[in-house]
Structures are given as structure tokens and as C-alpha cells.
Amino acid sequence: MKKNLIWKEIHTETPGQYEQLKLELEQQGFTIKAVVLDGKRGVRQIFANIPVQMCQFHQVAIIIRYLTRNPILEAGQELREIALQLTTSTENKFAVLLDTWHERWHKFLKEKTTNPITGRWHYTHRRVRSAYRSLKTNLPYLFTYQKYPELNIPNTCNSLDGSITSLKNLLRIHRGMNQQNRYKMVCQILKNSYPKKFP
């Protein structure tokens, strides 16, 4: 049964917040067998001793953020198409696609633009480079769910994101509440209603 076990009101999301909540859960007697993350920097290291799945939905969103939904450059178009195959691929097949793409475009990725006034240079296709680097860096964590079938790890954190969206919609309806009452309402909902859909 799905259930919210722990939560905390925070103003800034940091790896330290995740570490604190992880320790609290373990002190309550829970054993964390695997975790699905959205790519927040530094959080992966906190769960270094257990299987970590990078949310495939968030990974695709990162690629689209770098390349847009309609990339102009051919290299970007091809890389976006590869990224969209995440949910239907395996790690080996995806790695081959990524390596083949890189072999085709590695000279393109090394192109530089020099500022004629300052003499400083930067990579011409920085956003394409960043998109590729994101996929390459996260590759070992994108297919963890396939390596541990007995754990039934989801490949995305969409169910959690969906419940948060519903909660935000409910809070908008009750935006006249003061902060203390809003927090009490959120805690009550998280305690008793997951994964209930809200209006």
C-alpha cells in the first residue's frame, strides 16, 4: 500500500534535508530498499548504498529544457529523439544509441566561438553539449529499475508528482487560509489521503 511516511516544511530544498529525513525514517525502523530521484544535485550521494533510479520523465524534461521541443540543429533533433526512447529501451541499447550519436557529432561538439573583443572563447553548441552530458552522466541510474525487478522500482516519480499537483490545486482553492491552518491541512492530507485525487 502506498503511504506518505514522512514530510517536512522547508524553504530551500537541499541534500541535507533529504539526509535528515532519511535518518529519521531509519530511526523509526524503516529500511529504504531503493529510491527514485528527480536529479536534484547532491541527493544521489545520500543514497549511495542502495539502488538509485533517476526519474526518466525528469531526464527527458531536462533534455527538452536544453534542446527545446523543436531543436533547430540536426544534432539536437537526433539527441532529442534518442532521449524520447528512454522508456522503451534498455541500458545497453540506449548506451549504443548515445555512443553512436557522439561519434557522429563529436567534432561538432568541440566547435568554439571566440569573442573578437575579449579573446575569450566558449563552446559554440553549449546547450547540445549539456544535454549530451546529462544523459551520459545519468546513464548508470536511468535503468536501475530493470536491474532489480524484485524491488518493483518505478522508472519515474510521476505518481508522487501527480499527488503534489493535486495538493497544490486544493491549496489554491483554500488560499484564504492563514499559513498555520494551511500547514495543518497539508499535514492531515499527507497523513491520511495519499494517493487521493483532489479537485
Foldseek 3Di string as FASTA:
>chain_A
DDAQDDDDDDDDDDLVVVLVVVVVCVVVPDDDAEEEDQPPPPNCVSPVPHAYAYQLVSLLVLLCVLQPPDRPDPLSVLLNVLSVCLVVDALVVSVVSLVVSCVVCVVLQQDWDADPPPRDIDGPRVSSVVSSVSCVVCSVRQHSCVVCVVVNDDNHPVLVVQQVVQLVVVCVVVVVDDPVVNVVVVVVCSRPPPPDGHD
